[in-house]
Amino acid sequence: FCRATDPFNVARVKRIIELVEIGPDLDNAQRERVRKLIADNADTFAQSIMEVTPVKGAVHTLDIPPGKTFGKKINQRPLRAPERAYYYPRIDEMEKAKVIRKIRPEDVKCCSPTTLAQKAH
């Protein structure tokens, strides 16, 4: 079962409700209302990047002045083993889902470091 074939499958809805973190500031009645809202709209939740569907007509454009150049030098240290273990499977998953694709080094237009930061909550 997945979002495309059976979005309201009981096991799928249950898993989504488990994954959504409901804050401690709600009373029990409010928590149940939130769970019902999640269940009623389970078709809008993706459990993985593979379930994310493209938005028809959506276009991303960058307004870059003609002749503008960007840095291509990577000023980032090599990834440590735990970082590689975190990044590589996610990169493979995004590539498989066609969110990103490999390009030749000579086609690179800009490089920017990636920063891993834990969320405040």
N, C-alpha and C. Protein backbone atom coordinates (compact mmCIF):
# COMPACT_ATOMS: atom_id res chain seq x y z
N PHE A 1 0.83 -1.19 0.00
CA PHE A 1 0.00 0.00 0.00
C PHE A 1 0.87 1.24 0.00
N CYS A 2 0.48 2.18 -0.79
CA CYS A 2 1.22 3.44 -0.83
C CYS A 2 0.24 4.56 -1.16
N ARG A 3 0.76 5.75 -1.16
CA ARG A 3 -0.08 6.92 -1.39
C ARG A 3 -0.78 6.85 -2.75
N ALA A 4 -0.11 6.32 -3.77
CA ALA A 4 -0.69 6.28 -5.11
C ALA A 4 -1.75 5.20 -5.27
N THR A 5 -1.58 4.07 -4.59
CA THR A 5 -2.50 2.95 -4.81
C THR A 5 -3.58 2.81 -3.75
N ASP A 6 -3.27 3.11 -2.50
CA ASP A 6 -4.26 2.95 -1.43
C ASP A 6 -3.95 3.94 -0.29
N PRO A 7 -4.19 5.24 -0.52
CA PRO A 7 -3.78 6.25 0.46
C PRO A 7 -4.47 6.15 1.81
N PHE A 8 -5.64 5.51 1.88
CA PHE A 8 -6.37 5.42 3.15
C PHE A 8 -6.32 4.02 3.75
N ASN A 9 -5.35 3.23 3.31
CA ASN A 9 -5.15 1.91 3.89
C ASN A 9 -4.94 2.07 5.40
N VAL A 10 -5.61 1.24 6.18
CA VAL A 10 -5.59 1.36 7.64
C VAL A 10 -4.16 1.33 8.19
N ALA A 11 -3.34 0.42 7.70
CA ALA A 11 -1.97 0.33 8.20
C ALA A 11 -1.17 1.58 7.83
N ARG A 12 -1.40 2.11 6.63
CA ARG A 12 -0.70 3.32 6.20
C ARG A 12 -1.12 4.51 7.06
N VAL A 13 -2.42 4.67 7.28
CA VAL A 13 -2.92 5.78 8.11
C VAL A 13 -2.36 5.68 9.52
N LYS A 14 -2.35 4.47 10.06
CA LYS A 14 -1.81 4.26 11.41
C LYS A 14 -0.35 4.67 11.48
N ARG A 15 0.42 4.30 10.46
CA ARG A 15 1.85 4.63 10.44
C ARG A 15 2.05 6.15 10.34
N ILE A 16 1.26 6.82 9.53
CA ILE A 16 1.37 8.27 9.40
C ILE A 16 1.07 8.95 10.73
N ILE A 17 0.03 8.50 11.41
CA ILE A 17 -0.32 9.07 12.71
C ILE A 17 0.82 8.86 13.70
N GLU A 18 1.48 7.70 13.62
CA GLU A 18 2.64 7.45 14.50
C GLU A 18 3.80 8.38 14.18
N LEU A 19 3.98 8.70 12.91
CA LEU A 19 5.11 9.53 12.49
C LEU A 19 4.91 11.02 12.78
N VAL A 20 3.66 11.46 12.79
CA VAL A 20 3.39 12.88 13.06
C VAL A 20 3.53 13.13 14.55
N GLU A 21 4.36 14.09 14.89
CA GLU A 21 4.60 14.41 16.29
C GLU A 21 3.60 15.48 16.73
N ILE A 22 2.79 15.14 17.70
CA ILE A 22 1.79 16.07 18.25
C ILE A 22 2.34 16.60 19.56
N GLY A 23 2.42 17.92 19.66
CA GLY A 23 3.01 18.55 20.83
C GLY A 23 2.26 18.28 22.12
N PRO A 24 2.93 18.45 23.26
CA PRO A 24 2.33 18.18 24.56
C PRO A 24 1.37 19.27 25.03
N ASP A 25 1.23 20.33 24.25
CA ASP A 25 0.39 21.45 24.67
C ASP A 25 -1.09 21.24 24.36
N LEU A 26 -1.46 20.08 23.81
CA LEU A 26 -2.87 19.80 23.50
C LEU A 26 -3.45 18.85 24.53
N ASP A 27 -4.74 19.05 24.82
CA ASP A 27 -5.40 18.10 25.72
C ASP A 27 -5.82 16.88 24.90
N ASN A 28 -6.36 15.86 25.55
CA ASN A 28 -6.70 14.60 24.87
C ASN A 28 -7.72 14.80 23.76
N ALA A 29 -8.72 15.64 23.99
CA ALA A 29 -9.75 15.88 22.97
C ALA A 29 -9.12 16.53 21.73
N GLN A 30 -8.24 17.48 21.95
CA GLN A 30 -7.57 18.15 20.83
C GLN A 30 -6.66 17.18 20.09
N ARG A 31 -5.98 16.32 20.83
CA ARG A 31 -5.10 15.34 20.20
C ARG A 31 -5.90 14.40 19.30
N GLU A 32 -7.06 13.99 19.76
CA GLU A 32 -7.92 13.12 18.95
C GLU A 32 -8.41 13.84 17.70
N ARG A 33 -8.72 15.12 17.82
CA ARG A 33 -9.14 15.91 16.65
C ARG A 33 -8.00 15.99 15.63
N VAL A 34 -6.79 16.16 16.11
CA VAL A 34 -5.63 16.21 15.22
C VAL A 34 -5.44 14.86 14.54
N ARG A 35 -5.54 13.77 15.29
CA ARG A 35 -5.40 12.43 14.70
C ARG A 35 -6.48 12.18 13.64
N LYS A 36 -7.70 12.62 13.91
CA LYS A 36 -8.79 12.45 12.93
C LYS A 36 -8.51 13.29 11.68
N LEU A 37 -8.02 14.50 11.88
CA LEU A 37 -7.68 15.36 10.75
C LEU A 37 -6.60 14.71 9.89
N ILE A 38 -5.61 14.13 10.53
CA ILE A 38 -4.54 13.43 9.81
C ILE A 38 -5.12 12.25 9.04
N ALA A 39 -5.95 11.45 9.70
CA ALA A 39 -6.54 10.27 9.05
C ALA A 39 -7.42 10.67 7.87
N ASP A 40 -8.19 11.74 8.03
CA ASP A 40 -9.08 12.20 6.96
C ASP A 40 -8.31 12.74 5.75
N ASN A 41 -7.09 13.16 5.99
CA ASN A 41 -6.27 13.74 4.92
C ASN A 41 -5.01 12.92 4.66
N ALA A 42 -5.08 11.63 4.91
CA ALA A 42 -3.91 10.76 4.77
C ALA A 42 -3.35 10.76 3.35
N ASP A 43 -4.19 11.05 2.37
CA ASP A 43 -3.71 11.07 0.99
C ASP A 43 -2.76 12.23 0.70
N THR A 44 -2.66 13.19 1.60
CA THR A 44 -1.75 14.32 1.39
C THR A 44 -0.37 14.08 2.01
N PHE A 45 -0.21 13.00 2.76
CA PHE A 45 1.05 12.69 3.43
C PHE A 45 1.86 11.70 2.62
N ALA A 46 3.15 11.95 2.50
CA ALA A 46 4.06 11.03 1.84
C ALA A 46 4.94 10.40 2.92
N GLN A 47 5.05 9.08 2.89
CA GLN A 47 5.89 8.40 3.88
C GLN A 47 7.35 8.34 3.43
N SER A 48 7.59 8.57 2.16
CA SER A 48 8.96 8.59 1.66
C SER A 48 9.01 9.54 0.48
N ILE A 49 10.20 9.86 0.06
CA ILE A 49 10.37 10.77 -1.07
C ILE A 49 9.81 10.16 -2.35
N MET A 50 9.75 8.82 -2.40
CA MET A 50 9.21 8.14 -3.58
C MET A 50 7.71 8.40 -3.74
N GLU A 51 7.03 8.77 -2.67
CA GLU A 51 5.59 9.04 -2.74
C GLU A 51 5.26 10.50 -3.07
N VAL A 52 6.27 11.34 -3.13
CA VAL A 52 6.04 12.75 -3.46
C VAL A 52 5.81 12.85 -4.96
N THR A 53 4.73 13.51 -5.35
CA THR A 53 4.41 13.65 -6.76
C THR A 53 4.69 15.08 -7.22
N PRO A 54 5.13 15.24 -8.46
CA PRO A 54 5.40 16.59 -8.95
C PRO A 54 4.12 17.39 -9.11
N VAL A 55 4.23 18.68 -8.94
CA VAL A 55 3.09 19.57 -9.12
C VAL A 55 3.07 20.00 -10.58
N LYS A 56 1.98 19.73 -11.27
CA LYS A 56 1.88 20.07 -12.68
C LYS A 56 1.93 21.59 -12.85
N GLY A 57 2.74 22.01 -13.79
CA GLY A 57 2.84 23.44 -14.09
C GLY A 57 3.79 24.21 -13.19
N ALA A 58 4.33 23.56 -12.16
CA ALA A 58 5.26 24.26 -11.26
C ALA A 58 6.59 24.46 -11.98
N VAL A 59 7.10 25.65 -11.90
CA VAL A 59 8.36 25.98 -12.55
C VAL A 59 9.23 26.74 -11.55
N HIS A 60 10.49 26.37 -11.50
CA HIS A 60 11.45 27.06 -10.64
C HIS A 60 12.40 27.83 -11.54
N THR A 61 12.45 29.13 -11.38
CA THR A 61 13.35 29.93 -12.20
C THR A 61 14.27 30.76 -11.31
N LEU A 62 15.47 30.95 -11.77
CA LEU A 62 16.44 31.78 -11.08
C LEU A 62 16.68 33.02 -11.92
N ASP A 63 16.59 34.18 -11.30
CA ASP A 63 16.80 35.44 -12.01
C ASP A 63 18.27 35.83 -11.86
N ILE A 64 19.10 35.26 -12.72
CA ILE A 64 20.54 35.48 -12.66
C ILE A 64 20.93 36.44 -13.78
N PRO A 65 21.56 37.54 -13.44
CA PRO A 65 21.96 38.49 -14.47
C PRO A 65 22.91 37.84 -15.49
N PRO A 66 22.78 38.20 -16.77
CA PRO A 66 23.68 37.64 -17.79
C PRO A 66 25.14 37.95 -17.45
N GLY A 67 26.00 36.98 -17.66
CA GLY A 67 27.42 37.17 -17.41
C GLY A 67 27.84 36.96 -15.97
N LYS A 68 26.90 36.75 -15.08
CA LYS A 68 27.22 36.54 -13.66
C LYS A 68 27.87 35.17 -13.49
N THR A 69 28.93 35.10 -12.70
CA THR A 69 29.58 33.82 -12.44
C THR A 69 29.53 33.53 -10.94
N PHE A 70 29.57 32.27 -10.63
CA PHE A 70 29.51 31.81 -9.25
C PHE A 70 30.73 30.95 -8.95
N GLY A 71 31.05 30.83 -7.67
CA GLY A 71 32.18 30.02 -7.25
C GLY A 71 31.97 28.54 -7.56
N LYS A 72 33.04 27.91 -8.04
CA LYS A 72 32.98 26.47 -8.33
C LYS A 72 33.94 25.69 -7.46
N LYS A 73 34.65 26.38 -6.58
CA LYS A 73 35.60 25.71 -5.70
C LYS A 73 34.86 25.20 -4.46
N ILE A 74 35.11 23.96 -4.12
CA ILE A 74 34.48 23.38 -2.95
C ILE A 74 35.35 23.65 -1.74
N ASN A 75 34.85 24.43 -0.80
CA ASN A 75 35.59 24.77 0.41
C ASN A 75 35.10 23.95 1.59
N GLN A 76 34.70 22.74 1.32
CA GLN A 76 34.14 21.89 2.37
C GLN A 76 35.09 20.73 2.60
N ARG A 77 35.30 20.40 3.84
CA ARG A 77 36.16 19.26 4.16
C ARG A 77 35.46 17.97 3.72
N PRO A 78 36.21 16.91 3.51
CA PRO A 78 35.59 15.63 3.15
C PRO A 78 34.61 15.17 4.24
N LEU A 79 33.60 14.44 3.83
CA LEU A 79 32.62 13.94 4.79
C LEU A 79 33.24 12.89 5.70
N ARG A 80 32.85 12.93 6.95
CA ARG A 80 33.26 11.89 7.90
C ARG A 80 32.38 10.67 7.68
N ALA A 81 32.79 9.55 8.22
CA ALA A 81 32.05 8.29 8.02
C ALA A 81 30.59 8.40 8.44
N PRO A 82 30.25 8.97 9.62
CA PRO A 82 28.83 9.07 9.98
C PRO A 82 28.05 9.98 9.03
N GLU A 83 28.70 11.03 8.53
CA GLU A 83 28.03 11.92 7.58
C GLU A 83 27.78 11.20 6.26
N ARG A 84 28.78 10.44 5.79
CA ARG A 84 28.60 9.65 4.57
C ARG A 84 27.46 8.65 4.74
N ALA A 85 27.43 8.00 5.90
CA ALA A 85 26.38 7.01 6.17
C ALA A 85 25.01 7.66 6.16
N TYR A 86 24.94 8.93 6.55
CA TYR A 86 23.66 9.66 6.54
C TYR A 86 23.32 10.13 5.13
N TYR A 87 24.27 10.75 4.45
CA TYR A 87 24.01 11.38 3.15
C TYR A 87 23.80 10.41 2.00
N TYR A 88 24.69 9.44 1.84
CA TYR A 88 24.68 8.62 0.64
C TYR A 88 23.35 7.90 0.38
N PRO A 89 22.74 7.26 1.38
CA PRO A 89 21.44 6.63 1.11
C PRO A 89 20.37 7.65 0.71
N ARG A 90 20.42 8.84 1.29
CA ARG A 90 19.43 9.87 0.94
C ARG A 90 19.65 10.40 -0.47
N ILE A 91 20.91 10.55 -0.84
CA ILE A 91 21.22 10.98 -2.20
C ILE A 91 20.75 9.92 -3.20
N ASP A 92 21.02 8.65 -2.90
CA ASP A 92 20.57 7.55 -3.77
C ASP A 92 19.05 7.55 -3.89
N GLU A 93 18.36 7.77 -2.76
CA GLU A 93 16.90 7.78 -2.77
C GLU A 93 16.37 8.95 -3.60
N MET A 94 16.97 10.13 -3.47
CA MET A 94 16.52 11.28 -4.25
C MET A 94 16.81 11.08 -5.74
N GLU A 95 17.91 10.43 -6.05
CA GLU A 95 18.23 10.15 -7.45
C GLU A 95 17.23 9.14 -8.03
N LYS A 96 16.92 8.12 -7.27
CA LYS A 96 15.95 7.11 -7.71
C LYS A 96 14.56 7.73 -7.91
N ALA A 97 14.21 8.70 -7.06
CA ALA A 97 12.91 9.37 -7.17
C ALA A 97 12.92 10.47 -8.23
N LYS A 98 14.07 10.68 -8.87
CA LYS A 98 14.24 11.69 -9.91
C LYS A 98 14.07 13.12 -9.38
N VAL A 99 14.43 13.32 -8.12
CA VAL A 99 14.44 14.65 -7.53
C VAL A 99 15.74 15.36 -7.91
N ILE A 100 16.81 14.58 -7.99
CA ILE A 100 18.11 15.09 -8.42
C ILE A 100 18.65 14.14 -9.47
N ARG A 101 19.67 14.59 -10.17
CA ARG A 101 20.33 13.71 -11.15
C ARG A 101 21.81 14.03 -11.20
N LYS A 102 22.58 13.04 -11.61
CA LYS A 102 24.02 13.23 -11.74
C LYS A 102 24.30 14.09 -12.96
N ILE A 103 25.35 14.91 -12.85
CA ILE A 103 25.81 15.68 -14.00
C ILE A 103 27.32 15.54 -14.09
N ARG A 104 27.86 15.90 -15.25
CA ARG A 104 29.30 15.86 -15.44
C ARG A 104 29.94 17.02 -14.69
N PRO A 105 31.15 16.85 -14.18
CA PRO A 105 31.81 17.94 -13.45
C PRO A 105 31.91 19.23 -14.25
N GLU A 106 32.10 19.14 -15.56
CA GLU A 106 32.22 20.36 -16.37
C GLU A 106 30.89 21.10 -16.53
N ASP A 107 29.78 20.46 -16.18
CA ASP A 107 28.47 21.11 -16.25
C ASP A 107 28.09 21.85 -14.97
N VAL A 108 28.92 21.74 -13.94
CA VAL A 108 28.63 22.40 -12.66
C VAL A 108 28.70 23.91 -12.85
N LYS A 109 27.68 24.62 -12.39
CA LYS A 109 27.63 26.07 -12.51
C LYS A 109 27.93 26.77 -11.19
N CYS A 110 27.71 26.07 -10.07
CA CYS A 110 27.90 26.69 -8.76
C CYS A 110 28.04 25.59 -7.72
N CYS A 111 28.88 25.81 -6.72
CA CYS A 111 29.04 24.88 -5.60
C CYS A 111 28.75 25.62 -4.31
N SER A 112 28.15 24.92 -3.39
CA SER A 112 27.84 25.51 -2.09
C SER A 112 27.97 24.42 -1.04
N PRO A 113 28.55 24.73 0.11
CA PRO A 113 28.68 23.71 1.15
C PRO A 113 27.33 23.34 1.75
N THR A 114 27.26 22.14 2.24
CA THR A 114 26.06 21.66 2.91
C THR A 114 26.34 21.63 4.40
N THR A 115 25.38 22.10 5.18
CA THR A 115 25.53 22.13 6.63
C THR A 115 24.46 21.27 7.26
N LEU A 116 24.88 20.32 8.10
CA LEU A 116 23.92 19.54 8.88
C LEU A 116 23.70 20.26 10.20
N ALA A 117 22.46 20.54 10.50
CA ALA A 117 22.15 21.23 11.76
C ALA A 117 20.91 20.59 12.37
N GLN A 118 20.97 20.33 13.65
CA GLN A 118 19.83 19.75 14.34
C GLN A 118 18.78 20.82 14.58
N LYS A 119 17.51 20.45 14.39
CA LYS A 119 16.42 21.40 14.63
C LYS A 119 16.35 21.75 16.11
N ALA A 120 15.85 22.94 16.39
CA ALA A 120 15.79 23.42 17.77
C ALA A 120 14.85 22.60 18.63
N HIS A 121 13.80 22.06 18.04
CA HIS A 121 12.85 21.28 18.83
C HIS A 121 13.25 19.86 18.76
